[in-house]
Amino acid sequence: MNRNFKRLYFGTGQDYLDIFSLHYRWFGAAWTVDAEEIIVTSYAFADNEKAVRTKIRNGAPARRDDAHLQEIYAFIRKTQKDEDWGKRSRLRLFGVRESPWKKMKPGWYVVRSRKHYPLYISAVHVKRFSTWLVHTAVCENREDVADFIQKVDQSHRIKLLEVFPKNDQNDSIN
């Protein structure tokens, strides 16, 4: 028996947040196990189970194991969250002279990608001659937004004002 052979496992499930489209879709992952450690070989999102299975397995024989799927998804989301937090980018050199930034006073701002959850959120630091996108995150609800703002406050020793519209109780933002 070949000791280098590693059994391939896969799992699929529906209603997982696809951070690329911000829709809840089918999620699937394929992995191997080495010394009791799960090593993800592929993952994908799709509109149905058949499509996600095709994307992750690529025709390779695999044993189904949905029991580890939530753990793998949580690991992928945590990795994505850590990467998003650590990204820092400067907007175009003269971007501060273009709308909406030319009207903004220097300071910290929180920008949301859309009115309803899930959404992307960013912490933007406007300076006199530059504008920086300092942190980003995917938020599925109001608590995620509050956690993001608190983390920005703590990291930069500031106090951002948290303004939620009245209808935010229903997971929508104006």
N, C-alpha and C. Protein backbone atom coordinates (compact mmCIF):
# COMPACT_ATOMS: atom_id res chain seq x y z
N MET A 1 0.83 -1.18 0.00
CA MET A 1 0.00 0.00 0.00
C MET A 1 0.88 1.24 0.00
N ASN A 2 0.51 2.24 -0.79
CA ASN A 2 1.27 3.47 -0.92
C ASN A 2 1.01 4.36 0.28
N ARG A 3 2.03 4.65 1.07
CA ARG A 3 1.87 5.48 2.27
C ARG A 3 1.68 6.95 1.92
N ASN A 4 2.05 7.37 0.71
CA ASN A 4 1.90 8.76 0.30
C ASN A 4 0.48 9.08 -0.16
N PHE A 5 -0.32 8.04 -0.35
CA PHE A 5 -1.70 8.25 -0.78
C PHE A 5 -2.49 8.88 0.36
N LYS A 6 -3.13 9.95 0.06
CA LYS A 6 -3.98 10.61 1.05
C LYS A 6 -5.40 10.59 0.51
N ARG A 7 -6.31 10.12 1.34
CA ARG A 7 -7.71 10.07 0.93
C ARG A 7 -8.24 11.49 0.81
N LEU A 8 -9.00 11.72 -0.25
CA LEU A 8 -9.62 13.01 -0.49
C LEU A 8 -11.05 12.97 0.06
N TYR A 9 -11.40 13.98 0.81
CA TYR A 9 -12.75 14.11 1.37
C TYR A 9 -13.40 15.34 0.76
N PHE A 10 -14.71 15.36 0.77
CA PHE A 10 -15.43 16.55 0.31
C PHE A 10 -16.73 16.69 1.10
N GLY A 11 -17.23 17.90 1.10
CA GLY A 11 -18.52 18.18 1.74
C GLY A 11 -19.17 19.34 1.04
N THR A 12 -20.49 19.38 1.08
CA THR A 12 -21.24 20.49 0.50
C THR A 12 -22.37 20.86 1.44
N GLY A 13 -22.79 22.09 1.35
CA GLY A 13 -23.92 22.57 2.14
C GLY A 13 -24.46 23.85 1.56
N GLN A 14 -25.69 24.16 1.87
CA GLN A 14 -26.29 25.39 1.34
C GLN A 14 -26.44 26.45 2.41
N ASP A 15 -26.68 27.67 1.95
CA ASP A 15 -26.87 28.84 2.81
C ASP A 15 -25.59 29.28 3.52
N TYR A 16 -24.49 29.24 2.80
CA TYR A 16 -23.22 29.78 3.28
C TYR A 16 -22.98 31.11 2.56
N LEU A 17 -22.47 32.10 3.28
CA LEU A 17 -22.24 33.41 2.68
C LEU A 17 -21.05 33.35 1.73
N ASP A 18 -21.31 33.66 0.47
CA ASP A 18 -20.27 33.80 -0.54
C ASP A 18 -19.78 35.24 -0.44
N ILE A 19 -18.57 35.44 0.07
CA ILE A 19 -18.07 36.79 0.32
C ILE A 19 -17.77 37.55 -0.97
N PHE A 20 -17.73 36.85 -2.09
CA PHE A 20 -17.44 37.51 -3.36
C PHE A 20 -18.70 38.11 -3.97
N SER A 21 -19.84 37.45 -3.81
CA SER A 21 -21.10 37.95 -4.36
C SER A 21 -22.02 38.54 -3.29
N LEU A 22 -21.71 38.31 -2.03
CA LEU A 22 -22.54 38.72 -0.89
C LEU A 22 -23.94 38.10 -0.95
N HIS A 23 -23.99 36.86 -1.42
CA HIS A 23 -25.23 36.09 -1.43
C HIS A 23 -24.99 34.78 -0.70
N TYR A 24 -26.06 34.24 -0.14
CA TYR A 24 -25.97 32.93 0.51
C TYR A 24 -26.18 31.88 -0.56
N ARG A 25 -25.20 30.98 -0.70
CA ARG A 25 -25.19 30.01 -1.80
C ARG A 25 -24.74 28.65 -1.28
N TRP A 26 -24.62 27.71 -2.20
CA TRP A 26 -24.03 26.42 -1.89
C TRP A 26 -22.53 26.62 -1.72
N PHE A 27 -21.97 25.93 -0.73
CA PHE A 27 -20.53 25.96 -0.47
C PHE A 27 -20.04 24.53 -0.46
N GLY A 28 -18.86 24.33 -1.00
CA GLY A 28 -18.27 23.00 -0.97
C GLY A 28 -16.77 23.10 -0.79
N ALA A 29 -16.20 22.08 -0.20
CA ALA A 29 -14.75 22.04 0.00
C ALA A 29 -14.26 20.62 -0.17
N ALA A 30 -13.01 20.50 -0.59
CA ALA A 30 -12.34 19.20 -0.67
C ALA A 30 -11.08 19.33 0.18
N TRP A 31 -10.72 18.22 0.85
CA TRP A 31 -9.57 18.27 1.73
C TRP A 31 -8.98 16.89 1.94
N THR A 32 -7.78 16.90 2.46
CA THR A 32 -7.11 15.67 2.90
C THR A 32 -6.80 15.85 4.38
N VAL A 33 -6.39 14.76 5.01
CA VAL A 33 -6.02 14.81 6.42
C VAL A 33 -4.58 14.30 6.53
N ASP A 34 -3.74 15.09 7.18
CA ASP A 34 -2.35 14.72 7.38
C ASP A 34 -2.02 14.92 8.85
N ALA A 35 -1.67 13.83 9.53
CA ALA A 35 -1.35 13.88 10.96
C ALA A 35 -2.48 14.57 11.73
N GLU A 36 -3.70 14.18 11.44
CA GLU A 36 -4.91 14.69 12.09
C GLU A 36 -5.16 16.18 11.82
N GLU A 37 -4.49 16.76 10.83
CA GLU A 37 -4.71 18.14 10.44
C GLU A 37 -5.42 18.17 9.09
N ILE A 38 -6.48 18.97 9.01
CA ILE A 38 -7.24 19.10 7.76
C ILE A 38 -6.50 20.07 6.84
N ILE A 39 -6.25 19.63 5.61
CA ILE A 39 -5.59 20.45 4.61
C ILE A 39 -6.58 20.65 3.46
N VAL A 40 -7.09 21.87 3.32
CA VAL A 40 -8.07 22.18 2.29
C VAL A 40 -7.36 22.25 0.94
N THR A 41 -7.86 21.47 -0.02
CA THR A 41 -7.26 21.47 -1.35
C THR A 41 -8.03 22.36 -2.32
N SER A 42 -9.33 22.53 -2.07
CA SER A 42 -10.12 23.44 -2.90
C SER A 42 -11.44 23.77 -2.19
N TYR A 43 -11.99 24.89 -2.55
CA TYR A 43 -13.33 25.24 -2.09
C TYR A 43 -13.98 26.11 -3.15
N ALA A 44 -15.30 26.15 -3.13
CA ALA A 44 -16.02 26.92 -4.14
C ALA A 44 -17.42 27.23 -3.67
N PHE A 45 -18.02 28.21 -4.31
CA PHE A 45 -19.42 28.56 -4.11
C PHE A 45 -20.11 28.39 -5.45
N ALA A 46 -21.37 28.00 -5.41
CA ALA A 46 -22.14 27.84 -6.65
C ALA A 46 -23.63 27.97 -6.32
N ASP A 47 -24.43 27.98 -7.38
CA ASP A 47 -25.87 28.14 -7.20
C ASP A 47 -26.59 26.85 -6.88
N ASN A 48 -25.92 25.71 -7.10
CA ASN A 48 -26.55 24.42 -6.77
C ASN A 48 -25.47 23.42 -6.36
N GLU A 49 -25.90 22.32 -5.76
CA GLU A 49 -24.95 21.34 -5.24
C GLU A 49 -24.13 20.68 -6.34
N LYS A 50 -24.75 20.36 -7.45
CA LYS A 50 -24.03 19.70 -8.55
C LYS A 50 -22.87 20.57 -9.04
N ALA A 51 -23.12 21.86 -9.21
CA ALA A 51 -22.09 22.77 -9.70
C ALA A 51 -20.93 22.89 -8.70
N VAL A 52 -21.25 22.98 -7.41
CA VAL A 52 -20.19 23.12 -6.43
C VAL A 52 -19.38 21.83 -6.32
N ARG A 53 -20.03 20.68 -6.44
CA ARG A 53 -19.30 19.40 -6.41
C ARG A 53 -18.34 19.29 -7.58
N THR A 54 -18.78 19.71 -8.74
CA THR A 54 -17.94 19.66 -9.94
C THR A 54 -16.71 20.56 -9.76
N LYS A 55 -16.91 21.73 -9.20
CA LYS A 55 -15.80 22.67 -9.01
C LYS A 55 -14.76 22.17 -8.02
N ILE A 56 -15.19 21.53 -6.94
CA ILE A 56 -14.23 21.17 -5.89
C ILE A 56 -13.56 19.83 -6.11
N ARG A 57 -14.27 18.88 -6.71
CA ARG A 57 -13.70 17.54 -6.83
C ARG A 57 -12.89 17.36 -8.09
N ASN A 58 -13.23 18.06 -9.13
CA ASN A 58 -12.47 17.99 -10.37
C ASN A 58 -12.31 16.56 -10.88
N GLY A 59 -13.32 15.73 -10.66
CA GLY A 59 -13.32 14.36 -11.14
C GLY A 59 -12.58 13.37 -10.27
N ALA A 60 -11.89 13.81 -9.25
CA ALA A 60 -11.13 12.92 -8.38
C ALA A 60 -12.08 12.16 -7.45
N PRO A 61 -11.78 10.87 -7.19
CA PRO A 61 -12.62 10.12 -6.26
C PRO A 61 -12.43 10.67 -4.83
N ALA A 62 -13.54 10.83 -4.13
CA ALA A 62 -13.47 11.40 -2.79
C ALA A 62 -14.57 10.80 -1.93
N ARG A 63 -14.34 10.80 -0.64
CA ARG A 63 -15.32 10.31 0.33
C ARG A 63 -16.08 11.51 0.90
N ARG A 64 -17.38 11.38 0.94
CA ARG A 64 -18.21 12.49 1.46
C ARG A 64 -18.10 12.56 2.98
N ASP A 65 -17.94 13.80 3.49
CA ASP A 65 -17.85 14.03 4.93
C ASP A 65 -18.33 15.45 5.21
N ASP A 66 -19.62 15.63 5.39
CA ASP A 66 -20.17 16.96 5.64
C ASP A 66 -19.93 17.44 7.07
N ALA A 67 -19.48 16.55 7.94
CA ALA A 67 -19.31 16.90 9.35
C ALA A 67 -18.26 17.99 9.57
N HIS A 68 -17.26 18.09 8.71
CA HIS A 68 -16.19 19.08 8.88
C HIS A 68 -16.42 20.35 8.07
N LEU A 69 -17.51 20.41 7.32
CA LEU A 69 -17.72 21.53 6.41
C LEU A 69 -17.82 22.87 7.13
N GLN A 70 -18.57 22.95 8.21
CA GLN A 70 -18.73 24.20 8.95
C GLN A 70 -17.39 24.67 9.51
N GLU A 71 -16.60 23.74 10.01
CA GLU A 71 -15.26 24.06 10.53
C GLU A 71 -14.36 24.63 9.43
N ILE A 72 -14.41 24.03 8.25
CA ILE A 72 -13.60 24.50 7.12
C ILE A 72 -14.05 25.87 6.67
N TYR A 73 -15.37 26.07 6.58
CA TYR A 73 -15.91 27.37 6.19
C TYR A 73 -15.48 28.44 7.21
N ALA A 74 -15.58 28.14 8.48
CA ALA A 74 -15.18 29.09 9.53
C ALA A 74 -13.70 29.45 9.41
N PHE A 75 -12.86 28.46 9.11
CA PHE A 75 -11.43 28.71 8.92
C PHE A 75 -11.19 29.64 7.72
N ILE A 76 -11.88 29.38 6.62
CA ILE A 76 -11.72 30.21 5.42
C ILE A 76 -12.17 31.64 5.70
N ARG A 77 -13.30 31.79 6.37
CA ARG A 77 -13.80 33.13 6.70
C ARG A 77 -12.85 33.86 7.65
N LYS A 78 -12.29 33.16 8.63
CA LYS A 78 -11.35 33.79 9.56
C LYS A 78 -10.10 34.25 8.82
N THR A 79 -9.60 33.43 7.93
CA THR A 79 -8.42 33.79 7.14
C THR A 79 -8.72 35.02 6.29
N GLN A 80 -9.89 35.04 5.65
CA GLN A 80 -10.29 36.18 4.83
C GLN A 80 -10.43 37.43 5.68
N LYS A 81 -11.01 37.27 6.87
CA LYS A 81 -11.22 38.41 7.77
C LYS A 81 -9.87 39.00 8.21
N ASP A 82 -8.91 38.14 8.55
CA ASP A 82 -7.58 38.59 8.95
C ASP A 82 -6.87 39.31 7.80
N GLU A 83 -7.00 38.79 6.59
CA GLU A 83 -6.37 39.42 5.43
C GLU A 83 -7.01 40.78 5.15
N ASP A 84 -8.35 40.86 5.23
CA ASP A 84 -9.03 42.13 4.99
C ASP A 84 -8.61 43.18 6.01
N TRP A 85 -8.47 42.76 7.27
CA TRP A 85 -8.10 43.71 8.32
C TRP A 85 -6.71 44.27 8.06
N GLY A 86 -5.81 43.44 7.57
CA GLY A 86 -4.42 43.84 7.39
C GLY A 86 -4.15 44.63 6.12
N LYS A 87 -5.10 44.67 5.19
CA LYS A 87 -4.88 45.40 3.94
C LYS A 87 -4.99 46.90 4.20
N ARG A 88 -4.06 47.62 3.62
CA ARG A 88 -4.10 49.07 3.71
C ARG A 88 -3.69 49.58 2.35
N SER A 89 -4.50 50.45 1.76
CA SER A 89 -4.15 50.96 0.44
C SER A 89 -4.48 52.44 0.34
N ARG A 90 -3.66 53.11 -0.41
CA ARG A 90 -3.85 54.54 -0.63
C ARG A 90 -4.70 54.70 -1.88
N LEU A 91 -5.71 55.56 -1.79
CA LEU A 91 -6.51 55.85 -2.97
C LEU A 91 -5.66 56.69 -3.91
N ARG A 92 -6.06 56.75 -5.15
CA ARG A 92 -5.27 57.47 -6.16
C ARG A 92 -4.73 58.79 -5.63
N LEU A 93 -3.56 59.14 -6.08
CA LEU A 93 -2.85 60.32 -5.58
C LEU A 93 -3.72 61.56 -5.54
N PHE A 94 -4.48 61.79 -6.59
CA PHE A 94 -5.33 62.98 -6.60
C PHE A 94 -6.78 62.63 -6.31
N GLY A 95 -7.00 61.45 -5.76
CA GLY A 95 -8.34 61.03 -5.39
C GLY A 95 -8.99 61.92 -4.35
N VAL A 96 -8.18 62.59 -3.53
CA VAL A 96 -8.74 63.48 -2.51
C VAL A 96 -9.38 64.70 -3.14
N ARG A 97 -9.09 64.97 -4.40
CA ARG A 97 -9.67 66.12 -5.08
C ARG A 97 -10.92 65.74 -5.88
N GLU A 98 -11.35 64.49 -5.79
CA GLU A 98 -12.52 64.02 -6.51
C GLU A 98 -13.64 63.68 -5.54
N SER A 99 -14.87 63.71 -6.02
CA SER A 99 -16.02 63.35 -5.18
C SER A 99 -15.92 61.89 -4.81
N PRO A 100 -16.35 61.51 -3.64
CA PRO A 100 -16.91 62.34 -2.58
C PRO A 100 -15.84 62.91 -1.65
N TRP A 101 -14.58 62.57 -1.87
CA TRP A 101 -13.53 62.90 -0.91
C TRP A 101 -13.17 64.37 -0.88
N LYS A 102 -13.39 65.10 -1.96
CA LYS A 102 -13.01 66.52 -1.95
C LYS A 102 -13.86 67.33 -0.98
N LYS A 103 -15.03 66.82 -0.63
CA LYS A 103 -15.92 67.53 0.29
C LYS A 103 -15.73 67.11 1.75
N MET A 104 -14.93 66.09 1.97
CA MET A 104 -14.76 65.53 3.31
C MET A 104 -13.62 66.24 4.05
N LYS A 105 -13.89 66.52 5.31
CA LYS A 105 -12.84 67.07 6.18
C LYS A 105 -11.90 65.94 6.57
N PRO A 106 -10.64 66.26 6.86
CA PRO A 106 -9.72 65.21 7.33
C PRO A 106 -10.29 64.51 8.56
N GLY A 107 -10.14 63.20 8.60
CA GLY A 107 -10.64 62.42 9.72
C GLY A 107 -10.92 60.99 9.29
N TRP A 108 -11.58 60.25 10.16
CA TRP A 108 -11.92 58.85 9.93
C TRP A 108 -13.37 58.72 9.50
N TYR A 109 -13.62 57.83 8.55
CA TYR A 109 -14.97 57.59 8.05
C TYR A 109 -15.20 56.10 7.89
N VAL A 110 -16.45 55.68 8.06
CA VAL A 110 -16.84 54.31 7.82
C VAL A 110 -17.74 54.32 6.59
N VAL A 111 -17.38 53.50 5.60
CA VAL A 111 -18.11 53.45 4.35
C VAL A 111 -18.71 52.06 4.20
N ARG A 112 -19.98 52.00 3.89
CA ARG A 112 -20.68 50.73 3.67
C ARG A 112 -20.98 50.57 2.19
N SER A 113 -20.89 49.34 1.70
CA SER A 113 -21.04 49.10 0.27
C SER A 113 -22.48 49.15 -0.22
N ARG A 114 -23.43 48.91 0.67
CA ARG A 114 -24.82 48.94 0.26
C ARG A 114 -25.72 49.08 1.47
N LYS A 115 -27.03 49.17 1.22
CA LYS A 115 -27.98 49.48 2.28
C LYS A 115 -28.40 48.27 3.10
N HIS A 116 -28.21 47.08 2.62
CA HIS A 116 -28.70 45.90 3.34
C HIS A 116 -27.56 44.89 3.56
N TYR A 117 -27.78 44.04 4.55
CA TYR A 117 -26.80 43.00 4.88
C TYR A 117 -27.00 41.80 3.96
N PRO A 118 -25.93 41.07 3.75
CA PRO A 118 -24.53 41.32 4.10
C PRO A 118 -23.96 42.45 3.26
N LEU A 119 -22.88 43.04 3.76
CA LEU A 119 -22.26 44.18 3.08
C LEU A 119 -20.77 44.23 3.38
N TYR A 120 -20.07 45.00 2.57
CA TYR A 120 -18.67 45.30 2.85
C TYR A 120 -18.64 46.60 3.63
N ILE A 121 -17.71 46.71 4.55
CA ILE A 121 -17.53 47.94 5.31
C ILE A 121 -16.04 48.27 5.30
N SER A 122 -15.76 49.57 5.25
CA SER A 122 -14.36 50.01 5.20
C SER A 122 -14.15 51.17 6.15
N ALA A 123 -12.98 51.20 6.73
CA ALA A 123 -12.54 52.35 7.52
C ALA A 123 -11.60 53.16 6.63
N VAL A 124 -11.97 54.41 6.41
CA VAL A 124 -11.21 55.28 5.52
C VAL A 124 -10.65 56.44 6.35
N HIS A 125 -9.36 56.71 6.16
CA HIS A 125 -8.72 57.82 6.86
C HIS A 125 -8.39 58.90 5.83
N VAL A 126 -9.09 60.01 5.92
CA VAL A 126 -8.87 61.13 5.02
C VAL A 126 -7.87 62.07 5.68
N LYS A 127 -6.77 62.31 4.98
CA LYS A 127 -5.77 63.26 5.44
C LYS A 127 -5.79 64.46 4.49
N ARG A 128 -5.01 65.44 4.78
CA ARG A 128 -5.05 66.65 3.96
C ARG A 128 -4.69 66.38 2.51
N PHE A 129 -3.66 65.57 2.27
CA PHE A 129 -3.21 65.35 0.90
C PHE A 129 -3.28 63.88 0.46
N SER A 130 -3.95 63.06 1.25
CA SER A 130 -4.09 61.65 0.86
C SER A 130 -5.31 61.04 1.54
N THR A 131 -5.80 59.98 0.94
CA THR A 131 -6.92 59.24 1.50
C THR A 131 -6.54 57.77 1.51
N TRP A 132 -6.70 57.13 2.67
CA TRP A 132 -6.28 55.75 2.86
C TRP A 132 -7.48 54.85 3.19
N LEU A 133 -7.57 53.74 2.49
CA LEU A 133 -8.50 52.68 2.86
C LEU A 133 -7.71 51.81 3.83
N VAL A 134 -8.05 51.88 5.11
CA VAL A 134 -7.21 51.30 6.15
C VAL A 134 -7.64 49.87 6.49
N HIS A 135 -8.93 49.62 6.66
CA HIS A 135 -9.42 48.28 7.00
C HIS A 135 -10.72 48.01 6.25
N THR A 136 -10.97 46.74 5.99
CA THR A 136 -12.24 46.33 5.39
C THR A 136 -12.73 45.07 6.09
N ALA A 137 -14.02 44.81 5.93
CA ALA A 137 -14.62 43.59 6.49
C ALA A 137 -15.92 43.28 5.77
N VAL A 138 -16.34 42.04 5.89
CA VAL A 138 -17.67 41.63 5.43
C VAL A 138 -18.53 41.53 6.68
N CYS A 139 -19.67 42.19 6.67
CA CYS A 139 -20.57 42.20 7.82
C CYS A 139 -21.91 41.57 7.43
N GLU A 140 -22.35 40.62 8.25
CA GLU A 140 -23.62 39.96 7.99
C GLU A 140 -24.77 40.55 8.78
N ASN A 141 -24.45 41.37 9.79
CA ASN A 141 -25.50 41.94 10.64
C ASN A 141 -24.95 43.15 11.40
N ARG A 142 -25.81 43.76 12.17
CA ARG A 142 -25.46 44.97 12.93
C ARG A 142 -24.33 44.71 13.92
N GLU A 143 -24.34 43.54 14.54
CA GLU A 143 -23.29 43.22 15.51
C GLU A 143 -21.91 43.17 14.85
N ASP A 144 -21.83 42.65 13.63
CA ASP A 144 -20.56 42.63 12.90
C ASP A 144 -20.06 44.05 12.66
N VAL A 145 -20.97 44.96 12.31
CA VAL A 145 -20.60 46.36 12.09
C VAL A 145 -20.08 46.97 13.39
N ALA A 146 -20.79 46.75 14.48
CA ALA A 146 -20.37 47.29 15.78
C ALA A 146 -18.99 46.73 16.18
N ASP A 147 -18.77 45.44 15.95
CA ASP A 147 -17.46 44.84 16.26
C ASP A 147 -16.35 45.46 15.42
N PHE A 148 -16.63 45.70 14.14
CA PHE A 148 -15.64 46.31 13.24
C PHE A 148 -15.28 47.71 13.74
N ILE A 149 -16.30 48.51 14.06
CA ILE A 149 -16.05 49.88 14.52
C ILE A 149 -15.27 49.87 15.83
N GLN A 150 -15.61 48.97 16.73
CA GLN A 150 -14.90 48.87 18.00
C GLN A 150 -13.43 48.50 17.77
N LYS A 151 -13.18 47.59 16.85
CA LYS A 151 -11.81 47.17 16.56
C LYS A 151 -11.00 48.31 15.94
N VAL A 152 -11.63 49.10 15.06
CA VAL A 152 -10.95 50.27 14.49
C VAL A 152 -10.63 51.26 15.60
N ASP A 153 -11.61 51.52 16.47
CA ASP A 153 -11.40 52.44 17.59
C ASP A 153 -10.21 52.01 18.45
N GLN A 154 -10.18 50.74 18.82
CA GLN A 154 -9.11 50.25 19.68
C GLN A 154 -7.76 50.28 18.99
N SER A 155 -7.72 49.90 17.72
CA SER A 155 -6.45 49.83 16.99
C SER A 155 -5.83 51.20 16.77
N HIS A 156 -6.67 52.22 16.58
CA HIS A 156 -6.15 53.54 16.23
C HIS A 156 -6.37 54.58 17.33
N ARG A 157 -6.86 54.12 18.48
CA ARG A 157 -7.11 54.98 19.64
C ARG A 157 -7.96 56.19 19.25
N ILE A 158 -9.09 55.88 18.62
CA ILE A 158 -10.04 56.92 18.23
C ILE A 158 -11.42 56.51 18.71
N LYS A 159 -12.40 57.36 18.52
CA LYS A 159 -13.78 57.04 18.87
C LYS A 159 -14.67 57.44 17.70
N LEU A 160 -14.99 56.46 16.86
CA LEU A 160 -15.89 56.71 15.74
C LEU A 160 -17.31 56.77 16.25
N LEU A 161 -18.09 57.65 15.69
CA LEU A 161 -19.50 57.72 16.04
C LEU A 161 -20.24 56.62 15.28
N GLU A 162 -21.05 55.90 15.99
CA GLU A 162 -21.79 54.80 15.40
C GLU A 162 -23.23 55.25 15.23
N VAL A 163 -23.64 55.41 13.98
CA VAL A 163 -24.99 55.89 13.70
C VAL A 163 -25.73 54.81 12.92
N PHE A 164 -26.76 54.26 13.55
CA PHE A 164 -27.58 53.25 12.90
C PHE A 164 -28.96 53.83 12.64
N PRO A 165 -29.46 53.71 11.44
CA PRO A 165 -30.83 54.14 11.17
C PRO A 165 -31.83 53.33 11.99
N LYS A 166 -33.00 53.88 12.18
CA LYS A 166 -34.03 53.21 12.97
C LYS A 166 -34.39 51.84 12.42
N ASN A 167 -34.41 51.70 11.10
CA ASN A 167 -34.81 50.42 10.52
C ASN A 167 -33.67 49.41 10.46
N ASP A 168 -32.53 49.73 11.06
CA ASP A 168 -31.41 48.78 11.07
C ASP A 168 -31.76 47.52 11.87
N GLN A 169 -32.79 47.58 12.67
CA GLN A 169 -33.24 46.40 13.40
C GLN A 169 -33.58 45.27 12.44
N ASN A 170 -34.02 45.62 11.24
CA ASN A 170 -34.41 44.63 10.23
C ASN A 170 -33.26 44.27 9.32
N ASP A 171 -32.05 44.55 9.74
CA ASP A 171 -30.86 44.25 8.95
C ASP A 171 -30.82 44.96 7.62
N SER A 172 -31.23 46.22 7.59
CA SER A 172 -31.02 47.03 6.41
C SER A 172 -30.44 48.37 6.85
N ILE A 173 -29.66 48.97 6.00
CA ILE A 173 -28.99 50.22 6.32
C ILE A 173 -29.36 51.25 5.27
N ASN A 174 -29.65 52.46 5.70
CA ASN A 174 -29.92 53.55 4.75
C ASN A 174 -28.65 54.27 4.39
